[in-house]
PDB file of N, CA and C in Angstrom:
ATOM      1  N   MET A   1     -77.623  -9.749  17.167  1.00  0.00           N
ATOM      2  CA  MET A   1     -78.098  -8.602  16.610  1.00  0.00           C
ATOM      3  C   MET A   1     -79.537  -8.307  16.978  1.00  0.00           C
ATOM      4  N   THR A   2     -79.939  -7.166  16.948  1.00  0.00           N
ATOM      5  CA  THR A   2     -81.515  -6.938  17.135  1.00  0.00           C
ATOM      6  C   THR A   2     -82.338  -7.206  15.886  1.00  0.00           C
ATOM      7  N   ARG A   3     -83.562  -7.323  16.032  1.00  0.00           N
ATOM      8  CA  ARG A   3     -84.387  -7.233  14.938  1.00  0.00           C
ATOM      9  C   ARG A   3     -84.247  -6.101  13.879  1.00  0.00           C
ATOM     10  N   ALA A   4     -84.224  -5.107  14.681  1.00  0.00           N
ATOM     11  CA  ALA A   4     -84.084  -3.771  13.791  1.00  0.00           C
ATOM     12  C   ALA A   4     -82.818  -3.717  13.163  1.00  0.00           C
ATOM     13  N   THR A   5     -81.959  -4.165  13.647  1.00  0.00           N
ATOM     14  CA  THR A   5     -80.635  -3.976  12.967  1.00  0.00           C
ATOM     15  C   THR A   5     -80.393  -5.040  11.464  1.00  0.00           C
ATOM     16  N   THR A   6     -81.407  -6.522  11.695  1.00  0.00           N
ATOM     17  CA  THR A   6     -81.201  -7.058  10.403  1.00  0.00           C
ATOM     18  C   THR A   6     -82.151  -6.659   9.533  1.00  0.00           C
ATOM     19  N   GLU A   7     -83.175  -6.070  10.110  1.00  0.00           N
ATOM     20  CA  GLU A   7     -84.265  -5.548   9.006  1.00  0.00           C
ATOM     21  C   GLU A   7     -83.466  -4.584   8.155  1.00  0.00           C
ATOM     22  N   SER A   8     -82.835  -3.723   8.904  1.00  0.00           N
ATOM     23  CA  SER A   8     -82.238  -2.506   8.186  1.00  0.00           C
ATOM     24  C   SER A   8     -81.027  -3.010   7.256  1.00  0.00           C
ATOM     25  N   ALA A   9     -80.297  -4.058   7.937  1.00  0.00           N
ATOM     26  CA  ALA A   9     -79.325  -4.554   6.916  1.00  0.00           C
ATOM     27  C   ALA A   9     -79.793  -5.163   5.683  1.00  0.00           C
ATOM     28  N   ALA A  10     -80.970  -6.149   5.808  1.00  0.00           N
ATOM     29  CA  ALA A  10     -81.918  -6.688   4.592  1.00  0.00           C
ATOM     30  C   ALA A  10     -82.093  -5.521   3.885  1.00  0.00           C
ATOM     31  N   ALA A  11     -82.667  -4.213   4.125  1.00  0.00           N
ATOM     32  CA  ALA A  11     -83.331  -3.416   3.609  1.00  0.00           C
ATOM     33  C   ALA A  11     -82.217  -2.563   2.594  1.00  0.00           C
ATOM     34  N   ALA A  12     -80.870  -2.861   3.043  1.00  0.00           N
ATOM     35  CA  ALA A  12     -79.961  -2.073   2.134  1.00  0.00           C
ATOM     36  C   ALA A  12     -79.994  -2.261   0.543  1.00  0.00           C
ATOM     37  N   PRO A  13     -79.891  -1.136  -0.116  1.00  0.00           N
ATOM     38  CA  PRO A  13     -79.966  -1.302  -1.350  1.00  0.00           C
ATOM     39  C   PRO A  13     -78.575  -2.104  -1.694  1.00  0.00           C
ATOM     40  N   TRP A  14     -78.864  -2.828  -3.272  1.00  0.00           N
ATOM     41  CA  TRP A  14     -77.866  -3.687  -3.825  1.00  0.00           C
ATOM     42  C   TRP A  14     -76.660  -2.842  -4.212  1.00  0.00           C
ATOM     43  N   TRP A  15     -76.741  -1.541  -4.483  1.00  0.00           N
ATOM     44  CA  TRP A  15     -75.463  -0.610  -4.865  1.00  0.00           C
ATOM     45  C   TRP A  15     -74.435  -0.593  -3.811  1.00  0.00           C
ATOM     46  N   LYS A  16     -75.164  -0.113  -2.266  1.00  0.00           N
ATOM     47  CA  LYS A  16     -74.630   0.104  -1.228  1.00  0.00           C
ATOM     48  C   LYS A  16     -73.660  -1.079  -0.515  1.00  0.00           C
ATOM     49  N   LYS A  17     -74.522  -2.324  -0.895  1.00  0.00           N
ATOM     50  CA  LYS A  17     -73.828  -3.668  -0.362  1.00  0.00           C
ATOM     51  C   LYS A  17     -72.357  -3.749  -1.216  1.00  0.00           C
ATOM     52  N   ALA A  18     -72.916  -3.493  -2.922  1.00  0.00           N
ATOM     53  CA  ALA A  18     -71.468  -3.717  -3.749  1.00  0.00           C
ATOM     54  C   ALA A  18     -70.649  -2.561  -3.288  1.00  0.00           C
ATOM     55  N   ALA A  19     -70.936  -1.469  -2.974  1.00  0.00           N
ATOM     56  CA  ALA A  19     -69.854  -0.585  -2.701  1.00  0.00           C
ATOM     57  C   ALA A  19     -68.918  -1.011  -1.524  1.00  0.00           C
ATOM     58  N   TRP A  20     -69.521  -1.605  -0.506  1.00  0.00           N
ATOM     59  CA  TRP A  20     -68.858  -1.941   0.505  1.00  0.00           C
ATOM     60  C   TRP A  20     -67.926  -3.042   0.421  1.00  0.00           C
ATOM     61  N   MET A  21     -68.165  -4.088  -0.609  1.00  0.00           N
ATOM     62  CA  MET A  21     -67.408  -5.083  -1.149  1.00  0.00           C
ATOM     63  C   MET A  21     -66.353  -4.853  -1.894  1.00  0.00           C
ATOM     64  N   VAL A  22     -66.615  -3.684  -2.852  1.00  0.00           N
ATOM     65  CA  VAL A  22     -65.460  -3.183  -3.463  1.00  0.00           C
ATOM     66  C   VAL A  22     -64.559  -2.358  -2.961  1.00  0.00           C
ATOM     67  N   ALA A  23     -65.157  -1.722  -1.700  1.00  0.00           N
ATOM     68  CA  ALA A  23     -64.053  -0.916  -0.761  1.00  0.00           C
ATOM     69  C   ALA A  23     -63.150  -1.679   0.129  1.00  0.00           C
ATOM     70  N   ILE A  24     -63.905  -2.898   0.539  1.00  0.00           N
ATOM     71  CA  ILE A  24     -62.996  -3.875   1.523  1.00  0.00           C
ATOM     72  C   ILE A  24     -61.916  -4.446   0.434  1.00  0.00           C
ATOM     73  N   TRP A  25     -62.407  -4.767  -0.727  1.00  0.00           N
ATOM     74  CA  TRP A  25     -61.428  -5.386  -1.598  1.00  0.00           C
ATOM     75  C   TRP A  25     -60.366  -4.600  -2.188  1.00  0.00           C
ATOM     76  N   ALA A  26     -60.660  -3.326  -2.172  1.00  0.00           N
ATOM     77  CA  ALA A  26     -59.735  -2.273  -2.527  1.00  0.00           C
ATOM     78  C   ALA A  26     -58.707  -2.157  -1.618  1.00  0.00           C
ATOM     79  N   GLY A  27     -59.349  -1.805  -0.529  1.00  0.00           N
ATOM     80  CA  GLY A  27     -58.537  -1.887   0.793  1.00  0.00           C
ATOM     81  C   GLY A  27     -57.493  -3.027   0.860  1.00  0.00           C
ATOM     82  N   SER A  28     -57.748  -4.368   0.846  1.00  0.00           N
ATOM     83  CA  SER A  28     -57.130  -5.532   1.097  1.00  0.00           C
ATOM     84  C   SER A  28     -55.771  -5.640   0.054  1.00  0.00           C
ATOM     85  N   VAL A  29     -56.120  -4.932  -1.112  1.00  0.00           N
ATOM     86  CA  VAL A  29     -55.127  -4.939  -2.628  1.00  0.00           C
ATOM     87  C   VAL A  29     -54.019  -4.123  -1.739  1.00  0.00           C
ATOM     88  N   LEU A  30     -54.507  -2.894  -1.667  1.00  0.00           N
ATOM     89  CA  LEU A  30     -53.521  -1.639  -1.054  1.00  0.00           C
ATOM     90  C   LEU A  30     -52.572  -2.369   0.024  1.00  0.00           C
ATOM     91  N   ALA A  31     -53.556  -3.046   1.216  1.00  0.00           N
ATOM     92  CA  ALA A  31     -52.378  -3.437   2.026  1.00  0.00           C
ATOM     93  C   ALA A  31     -51.502  -4.473   1.946  1.00  0.00           C
ATOM     94  N   LEU A  32     -51.980  -5.216   0.630  1.00  0.00           N
ATOM     95  CA  LEU A  32     -50.891  -6.480  -0.115  1.00  0.00           C
ATOM     96  C   LEU A  32     -50.203  -5.588  -0.327  1.00  0.00           C
ATOM     97  N   PHE A  33     -50.421  -4.499  -1.119  1.00  0.00           N
ATOM     98  CA  PHE A  33     -49.103  -3.862  -1.997  1.00  0.00           C
ATOM     99  C   PHE A  33     -48.134  -3.246  -0.910  1.00  0.00           C
ATOM    100  N   ALA A  34     -48.446  -2.947   0.239  1.00  0.00           N
ATOM    101  CA  ALA A  34     -48.017  -1.903   1.056  1.00  0.00           C
ATOM    102  C   ALA A  34     -47.098  -2.846   1.788  1.00  0.00           C
ATOM    103  N   VAL A  35     -47.276  -4.370   1.917  1.00  0.00           N
ATOM    104  CA  VAL A  35     -46.597  -5.248   2.730  1.00  0.00           C
ATOM    105  C   VAL A  35     -45.644  -5.670   1.734  1.00  0.00           C
ATOM    106  N   SER A  36     -45.954  -5.775   0.613  1.00  0.00           N
ATOM    107  CA  SER A  36     -44.826  -6.388  -0.261  1.00  0.00           C
ATOM    108  C   SER A  36     -43.991  -5.377  -0.698  1.00  0.00           C
ATOM    109  N   SER A  37     -44.290  -3.808  -0.567  1.00  0.00           N
ATOM    110  CA  SER A  37     -43.412  -2.989  -0.962  1.00  0.00           C
ATOM    111  C   SER A  37     -42.409  -2.868   0.254  1.00  0.00           C
ATOM    112  N   LEU A  38     -42.749  -3.167   1.344  1.00  0.00           N
ATOM    113  CA  LEU A  38     -41.955  -2.908   2.700  1.00  0.00           C
ATOM    114  C   LEU A  38     -41.014  -4.134   2.457  1.00  0.00           C
ATOM    115  N   PHE A  39     -41.627  -5.387   2.317  1.00  0.00           N
ATOM    116  CA  PHE A  39     -40.674  -6.697   2.086  1.00  0.00           C
ATOM    117  C   PHE A  39     -39.343  -6.447   0.823  1.00  0.00           C
ATOM    118  N   ARG A  40     -40.253  -5.941  -0.088  1.00  0.00           N
ATOM    119  CA  ARG A  40     -39.055  -5.518  -1.067  1.00  0.00           C
ATOM    120  C   ARG A  40     -37.838  -4.704  -0.765  1.00  0.00           C
ATOM    121  N   LEU A  41     -38.191  -3.766  -0.025  1.00  0.00           N
ATOM    122  CA  LEU A  41     -37.432  -2.556   0.582  1.00  0.00           C
ATOM    123  C   LEU A  41     -36.595  -3.400   1.539  1.00  0.00           C
ATOM    124  N   LEU A  42     -36.903  -3.998   2.299  1.00  0.00           N
ATOM    125  CA  LEU A  42     -36.238  -4.829   3.306  1.00  0.00           C
ATOM    126  C   LEU A  42     -34.912  -5.810   2.825  1.00  0.00           C
ATOM    127  N   MET A  43     -35.707  -6.364   1.714  1.00  0.00           N
ATOM    128  CA  MET A  43     -34.787  -7.550   1.050  1.00  0.00           C
ATOM    129  C   MET A  43     -33.709  -6.822   0.487  1.00  0.00           C
ATOM    130  N   THR A  44     -33.962  -5.813  -0.418  1.00  0.00           N
ATOM    131  CA  THR A  44     -32.871  -4.892  -1.208  1.00  0.00           C
ATOM    132  C   THR A  44     -31.937  -4.177  -0.219  1.00  0.00           C
ATOM    133  N   ALA A  45     -32.422  -3.623   0.927  1.00  0.00           N
ATOM    134  CA  ALA A  45     -31.404  -3.109   2.100  1.00  0.00           C
ATOM    135  C   ALA A  45     -30.610  -4.449   2.550  1.00  0.00           C
ATOM    136  N   ALA A  46     -31.051  -5.559   2.587  1.00  0.00           N
ATOM    137  CA  ALA A  46     -30.031  -6.617   3.131  1.00  0.00           C
ATOM    138  C   ALA A  46     -29.064  -7.065   1.916  1.00  0.00           C
ATOM    139  N   GLY A  47     -29.301  -6.523   0.598  1.00  0.00           N
ATOM    140  CA  GLY A  47     -28.262  -7.092  -0.422  1.00  0.00           C
ATOM    141  C   GLY A  47     -28.698  -7.802  -1.382  1.00  0.00           C
ATOM    142  N   MET A  48     -30.263  -8.468  -1.232  1.00  0.00           N
ATOM    143  CA  MET A  48     -30.990  -9.011  -2.112  1.00  0.00           C
ATOM    144  C   MET A  48     -31.422  -8.302  -3.463  1.00  0.00           C
ATOM    145  N   LYS A  49     -31.083  -8.505  -4.566  1.00  0.00           N
ATOM    146  CA  LYS A  49     -31.731  -7.655  -5.966  1.00  0.00           C
ATOM    147  C   LYS A  49     -32.102  -8.904  -6.740  1.00  0.00           C
ATOM    148  N   VAL A  50     -33.100  -8.026  -7.416  1.00  0.00           N
ATOM    149  CA  VAL A  50     -33.695  -8.864  -8.599  1.00  0.00           C
ATOM    150  C   VAL A  50     -32.937  -8.432  -9.876  1.00  0.00           C
ATOM    151  N   ARG A  51     -32.590  -9.556 -10.279  1.00  0.00           N
ATOM    152  CA  ARG A  51     -31.813  -9.663 -11.768  1.00  0.00           C
ATOM    153  C   ARG A  51     -31.771  -8.445 -12.810  1.00  0.00           C
TER     154      ARG A  51
END
């Protein structure tokens, strides 16, 4: 990283850093939901059902 890049990252407001963290967390939760839904669909198609 260049010095200008690290200085601008350090100068970013706290709310912007928090917003990025929330966005990354929400994206990971949505990705986990998508994968689990896909597995549930595949398992149901294979004949495995929840009681």
